[in-house]
C-alpha atoms as a PDB file:
ATOM      1  CA  UNK A   1     -67.863 -35.911 -13.871  1.00  0.00           C
ATOM      2  CA  UNK A   2     -71.635 -33.707 -14.452  1.00  0.00           C
ATOM      3  CA  UNK A   3     -70.155 -31.414 -11.899  1.00  0.00           C
ATOM      4  CA  UNK A   4     -66.745 -30.393 -13.359  1.00  0.00           C
ATOM      5  CA  UNK A   5     -67.843 -30.686 -17.167  1.00  0.00           C
ATOM      6  CA  UNK A   6     -70.564 -28.151 -15.985  1.00  0.00           C
ATOM      7  CA  UNK A   7     -67.911 -25.800 -14.105  1.00  0.00           C
ATOM      8  CA  UNK A   8     -65.330 -26.009 -17.397  1.00  0.00           C
ATOM      9  CA  UNK A   9     -67.725 -24.670 -19.613  1.00  0.00           C
ATOM     10  CA  UNK A  10     -69.019 -21.859 -17.170  1.00  0.00           C
ATOM     11  CA  UNK A  11     -65.558 -21.413 -17.171  1.00  0.00           C
ATOM     12  CA  UNK A  12     -64.718 -21.306 -20.616  1.00  0.00           C
ATOM     13  CA  UNK A  13     -67.932 -19.319 -21.170  1.00  0.00           C
ATOM     14  CA  UNK A  14     -66.948 -16.072 -18.491  1.00  0.00           C
ATOM     15  CA  UNK A  15     -63.899 -15.894 -20.441  1.00  0.00           C
ATOM     16  CA  UNK A  16     -65.009 -15.854 -23.667  1.00  0.00           C
ATOM     17  CA  UNK A  17     -67.149 -13.457 -22.666  1.00  0.00           C
ATOM     18  CA  UNK A  18     -64.666 -11.425 -21.108  1.00  0.00           C
ATOM     19  CA  UNK A  19     -62.718 -11.115 -24.338  1.00  0.00           C
ATOM     20  CA  UNK A  20     -60.281 -14.122 -23.563  1.00  0.00           C
ATOM     21  CA  UNK A  21     -59.422 -16.719 -26.953  1.00  0.00           C
ATOM     22  CA  UNK A  22     -60.885 -19.689 -26.682  1.00  0.00           C
ATOM     23  CA  UNK A  23     -58.548 -21.739 -28.722  1.00  0.00           C
ATOM     24  CA  UNK A  24     -55.643 -20.189 -27.058  1.00  0.00           C
ATOM     25  CA  UNK A  25     -56.703 -21.294 -23.249  1.00  0.00           C
ATOM     26  CA  UNK A  26     -57.569 -25.022 -24.975  1.00  0.00           C
ATOM     27  CA  UNK A  27     -54.014 -24.876 -26.074  1.00  0.00           C
ATOM     28  CA  UNK A  28     -52.529 -23.274 -22.598  1.00  0.00           C
ATOM     29  CA  UNK A  29     -54.320 -25.762 -20.633  1.00  0.00           C
ATOM     30  CA  UNK A  30     -54.071 -29.278 -22.513  1.00  0.00           C
ATOM     31  CA  UNK A  31     -50.737 -30.023 -21.697  1.00  0.00           C
ATOM     32  CA  UNK A  32     -52.146 -30.368 -18.123  1.00  0.00           C
ATOM     33  CA  UNK A  33     -55.555 -32.417 -18.633  1.00  0.00           C
ATOM     34  CA  UNK A  34     -55.394 -36.418 -18.840  1.00  0.00           C
ATOM     35  CA  UNK A  35     -57.179 -38.796 -20.178  1.00  0.00           C
ATOM     36  CA  UNK A  36     -57.829 -41.944 -17.906  1.00  0.00           C
ATOM     37  CA  UNK A  37     -59.519 -45.296 -19.075  1.00  0.00           C
ATOM     38  CA  UNK A  38     -60.356 -47.858 -16.331  1.00  0.00           C
ATOM     39  CA  UNK A  39     -61.562 -51.144 -16.054  1.00  0.00           C
ATOM     40  CA  UNK A  40     -63.204 -52.182 -13.701  1.00  0.00           C
ATOM     41  CA  UNK A  41     -63.590 -55.047 -11.528  1.00  0.00           C
ATOM     42  CA  UNK A  42     -67.334 -56.155 -13.257  1.00  0.00           C
ATOM     43  CA  UNK A  43     -65.373 -55.595 -16.727  1.00  0.00           C
ATOM     44  CA  UNK A  44     -67.395 -52.283 -17.756  1.00  0.00           C
ATOM     45  CA  UNK A  45     -64.674 -49.488 -19.293  1.00  0.00           C
ATOM     46  CA  UNK A  46     -64.880 -46.016 -18.091  1.00  0.00           C
ATOM     47  CA  UNK A  47     -62.922 -42.817 -19.421  1.00  0.00           C
ATOM     48  CA  UNK A  48     -62.737 -39.806 -18.557  1.00  0.00           C
ATOM     49  CA  UNK A  49     -60.422 -36.924 -17.526  1.00  0.00           C
ATOM     50  CA  UNK A  50     -58.323 -35.515 -15.324  1.00  0.00           C
ATOM     51  CA  UNK A  51     -55.674 -32.645 -14.569  1.00  0.00           C
ATOM     52  CA  UNK A  52     -52.659 -32.099 -13.133  1.00  0.00           C
ATOM     53  CA  UNK A  53     -52.629 -29.620  -9.797  1.00  0.00           C
ATOM     54  CA  UNK A  54     -48.937 -30.244  -9.529  1.00  0.00           C
ATOM     55  CA  UNK A  55     -46.032 -31.405 -10.786  1.00  0.00           C
ATOM     56  CA  UNK A  56     -47.220 -35.264  -9.537  1.00  0.00           C
ATOM     57  CA  UNK A  57     -50.889 -35.124  -8.276  1.00  0.00           C
ATOM     58  CA  UNK A  58     -53.480 -35.292 -10.630  1.00  0.00           C
ATOM     59  CA  UNK A  59     -57.423 -34.338  -9.609  1.00  0.00           C
ATOM     60  CA  UNK A  60     -60.448 -36.395 -10.729  1.00  0.00           C
ATOM     61  CA  UNK A  61     -63.948 -37.893 -10.330  1.00  0.00           C
ATOM     62  CA  UNK A  62     -63.794 -40.609  -7.449  1.00  0.00           C
ATOM     63  CA  UNK A  63     -66.556 -42.725  -9.095  1.00  0.00           C
ATOM     64  CA  UNK A  64     -64.505 -42.873 -12.030  1.00  0.00           C
ATOM     65  CA  UNK A  65     -61.870 -45.074  -9.867  1.00  0.00           C
ATOM     66  CA  UNK A  66     -64.592 -46.483  -7.596  1.00  0.00           C
ATOM     67  CA  UNK A  67     -63.960 -50.508  -7.586  1.00  0.00           C
ATOM     68  CA  UNK A  68     -60.755 -49.891 -10.629  1.00  0.00           C
ATOM     69  CA  UNK A  69     -59.205 -52.715 -11.603  1.00  0.00           C
ATOM     70  CA  UNK A  70     -56.923 -51.495 -13.534  1.00  0.00           C
ATOM     71  CA  UNK A  71     -55.735 -48.007 -14.726  1.00  0.00           C
ATOM     72  CA  UNK A  72     -54.258 -46.282 -17.594  1.00  0.00           C
ATOM     73  CA  UNK A  73     -53.471 -42.300 -17.599  1.00  0.00           C
ATOM     74  CA  UNK A  74     -52.224 -40.795 -21.080  1.00  0.00           C
ATOM     75  CA  UNK A  75     -50.935 -37.209 -22.067  1.00  0.00           C
ATOM     76  CA  UNK A  76     -52.368 -35.522 -25.201  1.00  0.00           C
ATOM     77  CA  UNK A  77     -49.183 -36.152 -26.311  1.00  0.00           C
ATOM     78  CA  UNK A  78     -49.942 -39.846 -26.061  1.00  0.00           C
ATOM     79  CA  UNK A  79     -47.049 -40.052 -22.720  1.00  0.00           C
ATOM     80  CA  UNK A  80     -48.065 -42.580 -20.325  1.00  0.00           C
ATOM     81  CA  UNK A  81     -48.281 -42.149 -16.221  1.00  0.00           C
ATOM     82  CA  UNK A  82     -48.820 -44.667 -13.689  1.00  0.00           C
ATOM     83  CA  UNK A  83     -49.937 -43.891 -10.338  1.00  0.00           C
ATOM     84  CA  UNK A  84     -48.039 -44.139  -7.020  1.00  0.00           C
ATOM     85  CA  UNK A  85     -50.642 -43.564  -4.065  1.00  0.00           C
ATOM     86  CA  UNK A  86     -53.621 -42.106  -3.681  1.00  0.00           C
ATOM     87  CA  UNK A  87     -53.425 -38.704  -1.629  1.00  0.00           C
ATOM     88  CA  UNK A  88     -57.219 -38.506  -0.541  1.00  0.00           C
ATOM     89  CA  UNK A  89     -60.403 -39.343  -2.285  1.00  0.00           C
ATOM     90  CA  UNK A  90     -64.337 -38.330  -1.036  1.00  0.00           C
ATOM     91  CA  UNK A  91     -66.962 -39.850  -2.483  1.00  0.00           C
ATOM     92  CA  UNK A  92     -69.656 -37.317  -1.162  1.00  0.00           C
ATOM     93  CA  UNK A  93     -67.420 -34.938  -3.580  1.00  0.00           C
ATOM     94  CA  UNK A  94     -66.714 -36.966  -5.387  1.00  0.00           C
ATOM     95  CA  UNK A  95     -63.413 -36.065  -6.070  1.00  0.00           C
ATOM     96  CA  UNK A  96     -59.884 -37.938  -6.003  1.00  0.00           C
ATOM     97  CA  UNK A  97     -55.984 -36.945  -6.055  1.00  0.00           C
ATOM     98  CA  UNK A  98     -53.657 -39.319  -6.797  1.00  0.00           C
ATOM     99  CA  UNK A  99     -49.977 -39.097  -7.053  1.00  0.00           C
ATOM    100  CA  UNK A 100     -48.244 -40.101 -10.337  1.00  0.00           C
ATOM    101  CA  UNK A 101     -44.097 -41.539 -10.569  1.00  0.00           C
ATOM    102  CA  UNK A 102     -43.352 -39.028 -13.302  1.00  0.00           C
ATOM    103  CA  UNK A 103     -43.472 -35.533 -13.161  1.00  0.00           C
ATOM    104  CA  UNK A 104     -45.268 -33.499 -15.554  1.00  0.00           C
ATOM    105  CA  UNK A 105     -44.147 -30.367 -16.156  1.00  0.00           C
ATOM    106  CA  UNK A 106     -47.412 -27.954 -16.825  1.00  0.00           C
ATOM    107  CA  UNK A 107     -50.348 -27.880 -14.239  1.00  0.00           C
ATOM    108  CA  UNK A 108     -53.566 -26.198 -13.439  1.00  0.00           C
ATOM    109  CA  UNK A 109     -53.317 -23.962 -10.583  1.00  0.00           C
ATOM    110  CA  UNK A 110     -56.545 -24.624  -8.000  1.00  0.00           C
ATOM    111  CA  UNK A 111     -57.592 -20.783  -6.539  1.00  0.00           C
ATOM    112  CA  UNK A 112     -57.218 -21.244  -2.451  1.00  0.00           C
ATOM    113  CA  UNK A 113     -60.717 -18.936  -2.530  1.00  0.00           C
ATOM    114  CA  UNK A 114     -64.077 -19.381  -3.859  1.00  0.00           C
ATOM    115  CA  UNK A 115     -65.303 -15.874  -6.309  1.00  0.00           C
ATOM    116  CA  UNK A 116     -67.594 -13.041  -4.605  1.00  0.00           C
ATOM    117  CA  UNK A 117     -71.075 -13.084  -6.739  1.00  0.00           C
ATOM    118  CA  UNK A 118     -70.805 -11.466  -9.933  1.00  0.00           C
ATOM    119  CA  UNK A 119     -67.078 -11.535 -10.146  1.00  0.00           C
ATOM    120  CA  UNK A 120     -65.270 -12.668 -13.246  1.00  0.00           C
ATOM    121  CA  UNK A 121     -63.326 -15.967 -12.805  1.00  0.00           C
ATOM    122  CA  UNK A 122     -60.050 -16.707 -15.196  1.00  0.00           C
ATOM    123  CA  UNK A 123     -58.203 -20.601 -15.478  1.00  0.00           C
ATOM    124  CA  UNK A 124     -54.719 -19.922 -16.032  1.00  0.00           C
ATOM    125  CA  UNK A 125     -52.346 -22.635 -16.879  1.00  0.00           C
END
């Protein structure tokens, strides 16, 4: 989660330097972001965020869902989502993608290549 948080901070900083309005970007991205609450088998409760990468797939950190007993997913407006299946997971990269039963109308598009050194980056909702 630390890597994703650092990446989001860097993206927001670059967007700010490029004259983008952070509140506008936040408003555009908010419908694509979910809060994930997890109760682990050892009784510990964790919370983090994830984001839609298409209408039924959410990406988040692997360590959040590791040894999860109960997983609850909520949108910013309170809508609840339920996991249908795990699509892919990787402990080493700390990433997991899972499919939900419901559909979401907005998602964050992922870039299919890495930016060049010094290239400006933007996030579009």
